[in-house]
């Protein structure tokens, strides 16, 4: 699901320390895909389907991004 359908692309988003710490605990080979998925979701509203623990971390971060967007909008 995309939160940003039919809306202007965002130029910024809040990246919390907890996001960084969770991603840094992941294997190096998974970190980039998670960072990219988070940025793409937060800035463009495009959901990326990640599998396994990468998907679990991304889904938790995605929920927080959605919460932050509700507060800001």
N, C-alpha and C. Protein backbone atom coordinates (compact mmCIF):
# COMPACT_ATOMS: atom_id res chain seq x y z
N UNK A 1 0.85 -1.18 0.00
CA UNK A 1 0.00 0.00 0.00
C UNK A 1 0.89 1.23 0.00
N UNK A 2 0.48 2.23 -0.68
CA UNK A 2 1.25 3.45 -0.80
C UNK A 2 0.51 4.60 -0.13
N UNK A 3 1.16 5.28 0.80
CA UNK A 3 0.51 6.37 1.52
C UNK A 3 0.45 7.63 0.70
N UNK A 4 1.24 7.75 -0.34
CA UNK A 4 1.45 9.02 -1.02
C UNK A 4 0.81 9.03 -2.42
N UNK A 5 -0.15 8.18 -2.66
CA UNK A 5 -0.79 8.12 -3.98
C UNK A 5 -1.39 9.46 -4.37
N UNK A 6 -1.16 9.85 -5.62
CA UNK A 6 -1.73 11.08 -6.19
C UNK A 6 -1.30 12.35 -5.45
N UNK A 7 -0.18 12.30 -4.77
CA UNK A 7 0.31 13.47 -4.07
C UNK A 7 1.71 13.80 -4.56
N UNK A 8 2.12 15.02 -4.29
CA UNK A 8 3.45 15.47 -4.65
C UNK A 8 4.50 14.65 -3.89
N UNK A 9 5.61 14.35 -4.56
CA UNK A 9 6.68 13.64 -3.90
C UNK A 9 7.28 14.53 -2.82
N UNK A 10 7.68 13.91 -1.73
CA UNK A 10 8.23 14.66 -0.60
C UNK A 10 9.71 14.96 -0.84
N UNK A 11 10.18 16.02 -0.23
CA UNK A 11 11.58 16.38 -0.35
C UNK A 11 12.38 15.98 0.90
N UNK A 12 11.69 15.55 1.97
CA UNK A 12 12.39 15.16 3.19
C UNK A 12 11.49 14.26 4.05
N UNK A 13 12.14 13.60 5.00
CA UNK A 13 11.40 12.80 5.98
C UNK A 13 12.25 12.67 7.23
N UNK A 14 11.62 12.27 8.32
CA UNK A 14 12.31 12.10 9.59
C UNK A 14 12.89 10.69 9.64
N UNK A 15 14.21 10.62 9.83
CA UNK A 15 14.90 9.34 9.96
C UNK A 15 15.38 9.23 11.40
N UNK A 16 14.74 8.37 12.15
CA UNK A 16 15.02 8.24 13.58
C UNK A 16 16.25 7.38 13.87
N UNK A 17 16.89 7.65 15.00
CA UNK A 17 18.03 6.84 15.42
C UNK A 17 17.63 5.36 15.53
N UNK A 18 16.41 5.10 15.98
CA UNK A 18 15.97 3.71 16.11
C UNK A 18 15.95 3.00 14.75
N UNK A 19 15.65 3.72 13.66
CA UNK A 19 15.72 3.14 12.32
C UNK A 19 17.15 2.71 12.04
N UNK A 20 18.08 3.65 12.27
CA UNK A 20 19.50 3.39 12.03
C UNK A 20 19.98 2.19 12.83
N UNK A 21 19.66 2.16 14.12
CA UNK A 21 20.13 1.08 14.98
C UNK A 21 19.57 -0.27 14.57
N UNK A 22 18.31 -0.31 14.18
CA UNK A 22 17.71 -1.57 13.73
C UNK A 22 18.36 -2.06 12.44
N UNK A 23 18.56 -1.16 11.49
CA UNK A 23 19.16 -1.54 10.21
C UNK A 23 20.61 -1.96 10.39
N UNK A 24 21.34 -1.27 11.25
CA UNK A 24 22.75 -1.60 11.47
C UNK A 24 22.94 -2.97 12.11
N UNK A 25 21.92 -3.49 12.77
CA UNK A 25 22.00 -4.83 13.36
C UNK A 25 21.81 -5.93 12.31
N UNK A 26 21.35 -5.54 11.14
CA UNK A 26 21.14 -6.50 10.05
C UNK A 26 22.48 -6.83 9.38
N UNK A 27 22.55 -7.98 8.70
CA UNK A 27 23.77 -8.30 7.95
C UNK A 27 24.05 -7.21 6.91
N UNK A 28 25.32 -6.93 6.69
CA UNK A 28 25.72 -5.88 5.75
C UNK A 28 25.06 -6.05 4.38
N UNK A 29 24.92 -7.28 3.93
CA UNK A 29 24.35 -7.51 2.59
C UNK A 29 22.87 -7.15 2.50
N UNK A 30 22.19 -6.95 3.65
CA UNK A 30 20.78 -6.57 3.65
C UNK A 30 20.55 -5.09 3.93
N UNK A 31 21.54 -4.43 4.48
CA UNK A 31 21.35 -3.05 4.92
C UNK A 31 20.97 -2.10 3.80
N UNK A 32 21.67 -2.16 2.68
CA UNK A 32 21.39 -1.23 1.59
C UNK A 32 19.96 -1.37 1.08
N UNK A 33 19.48 -2.59 0.92
CA UNK A 33 18.12 -2.77 0.41
C UNK A 33 17.10 -2.17 1.38
N UNK A 34 17.37 -2.24 2.67
CA UNK A 34 16.44 -1.67 3.65
C UNK A 34 16.50 -0.15 3.61
N UNK A 35 17.72 0.41 3.61
CA UNK A 35 17.84 1.87 3.52
C UNK A 35 17.12 2.41 2.29
N UNK A 36 17.32 1.74 1.16
CA UNK A 36 16.68 2.19 -0.09
C UNK A 36 15.17 2.06 -0.01
N UNK A 37 14.68 0.96 0.57
CA UNK A 37 13.24 0.76 0.69
C UNK A 37 12.62 1.84 1.60
N UNK A 38 13.30 2.16 2.69
CA UNK A 38 12.81 3.19 3.61
C UNK A 38 12.75 4.54 2.90
N UNK A 39 13.83 4.92 2.24
CA UNK A 39 13.87 6.21 1.54
C UNK A 39 12.83 6.27 0.44
N UNK A 40 12.70 5.21 -0.33
CA UNK A 40 11.73 5.19 -1.43
C UNK A 40 10.30 5.28 -0.91
N UNK A 41 10.03 4.63 0.20
CA UNK A 41 8.69 4.69 0.79
C UNK A 41 8.40 6.08 1.35
N UNK A 42 9.35 6.60 2.12
CA UNK A 42 9.13 7.88 2.78
C UNK A 42 9.07 9.05 1.80
N UNK A 43 9.88 9.02 0.75
CA UNK A 43 9.93 10.15 -0.19
C UNK A 43 8.97 10.02 -1.36
N UNK A 44 8.77 8.80 -1.83
CA UNK A 44 7.96 8.59 -3.04
C UNK A 44 6.66 7.86 -2.80
N UNK A 45 6.47 7.33 -1.58
CA UNK A 45 5.26 6.59 -1.28
C UNK A 45 5.19 5.24 -1.96
N UNK A 46 6.34 4.73 -2.39
CA UNK A 46 6.38 3.44 -3.10
C UNK A 46 6.81 2.33 -2.14
N UNK A 47 5.98 1.33 -2.04
CA UNK A 47 6.24 0.20 -1.15
C UNK A 47 7.12 -0.81 -1.84
N UNK A 48 8.10 -1.33 -1.12
CA UNK A 48 9.00 -2.35 -1.63
C UNK A 48 8.76 -3.61 -0.82
N UNK A 49 8.61 -4.74 -1.47
CA UNK A 49 8.40 -5.98 -0.74
C UNK A 49 9.74 -6.64 -0.47
N UNK A 50 10.13 -6.64 0.80
CA UNK A 50 11.36 -7.30 1.21
C UNK A 50 10.98 -8.58 1.94
N UNK A 51 11.84 -9.56 1.88
CA UNK A 51 11.55 -10.85 2.48
C UNK A 51 12.35 -11.06 3.77
N UNK A 52 11.89 -11.96 4.59
CA UNK A 52 12.60 -12.35 5.79
C UNK A 52 12.75 -11.23 6.80
N UNK A 53 13.89 -11.24 7.49
CA UNK A 53 14.11 -10.25 8.54
C UNK A 53 14.23 -8.83 7.98
N UNK A 54 14.69 -8.69 6.74
CA UNK A 54 14.73 -7.37 6.11
C UNK A 54 13.31 -6.81 5.98
N UNK A 55 12.39 -7.66 5.59
CA UNK A 55 10.99 -7.25 5.47
C UNK A 55 10.39 -6.89 6.81
N UNK A 56 10.76 -7.64 7.85
CA UNK A 56 10.23 -7.35 9.19
C UNK A 56 10.71 -5.98 9.68
N UNK A 57 11.99 -5.70 9.51
CA UNK A 57 12.53 -4.41 9.92
C UNK A 57 11.88 -3.29 9.12
N UNK A 58 11.78 -3.48 7.82
CA UNK A 58 11.18 -2.46 6.96
C UNK A 58 9.72 -2.19 7.35
N UNK A 59 8.96 -3.23 7.61
CA UNK A 59 7.55 -3.05 7.99
C UNK A 59 7.40 -2.27 9.29
N UNK A 60 8.28 -2.51 10.25
CA UNK A 60 8.22 -1.75 11.50
C UNK A 60 8.55 -0.27 11.26
N UNK A 61 9.56 -0.02 10.45
CA UNK A 61 9.93 1.37 10.13
C UNK A 61 8.82 2.04 9.33
N UNK A 62 8.25 1.31 8.40
CA UNK A 62 7.18 1.85 7.56
C UNK A 62 5.98 2.29 8.41
N UNK A 63 5.65 1.50 9.42
CA UNK A 63 4.53 1.86 10.30
C UNK A 63 4.84 3.17 11.03
N UNK A 64 6.07 3.35 11.44
CA UNK A 64 6.45 4.60 12.14
C UNK A 64 6.42 5.78 11.18
N UNK A 65 6.85 5.59 9.95
CA UNK A 65 6.78 6.65 8.94
C UNK A 65 5.33 7.07 8.74
N UNK A 66 4.44 6.09 8.65
CA UNK A 66 3.01 6.39 8.50
C UNK A 66 2.48 7.19 9.69
N UNK A 67 2.87 6.81 10.89
CA UNK A 67 2.45 7.55 12.09
C UNK A 67 2.95 8.99 12.03
N UNK A 68 4.21 9.16 11.68
CA UNK A 68 4.78 10.51 11.59
C UNK A 68 4.06 11.35 10.54
N UNK A 69 3.70 10.75 9.42
CA UNK A 69 2.99 11.49 8.36
C UNK A 69 1.62 11.93 8.82
N UNK A 70 0.94 11.11 9.61
CA UNK A 70 -0.38 11.50 10.13
C UNK A 70 -0.26 12.71 11.06
N UNK A 71 0.80 12.74 11.86
CA UNK A 71 1.02 13.85 12.78
C UNK A 71 1.33 15.14 12.04
N UNK A 72 2.10 15.02 10.97
CA UNK A 72 2.54 16.19 10.21
C UNK A 72 1.43 16.72 9.32
N UNK A 73 0.65 15.82 8.72
CA UNK A 73 -0.39 16.23 7.77
C UNK A 73 -1.59 16.69 8.46
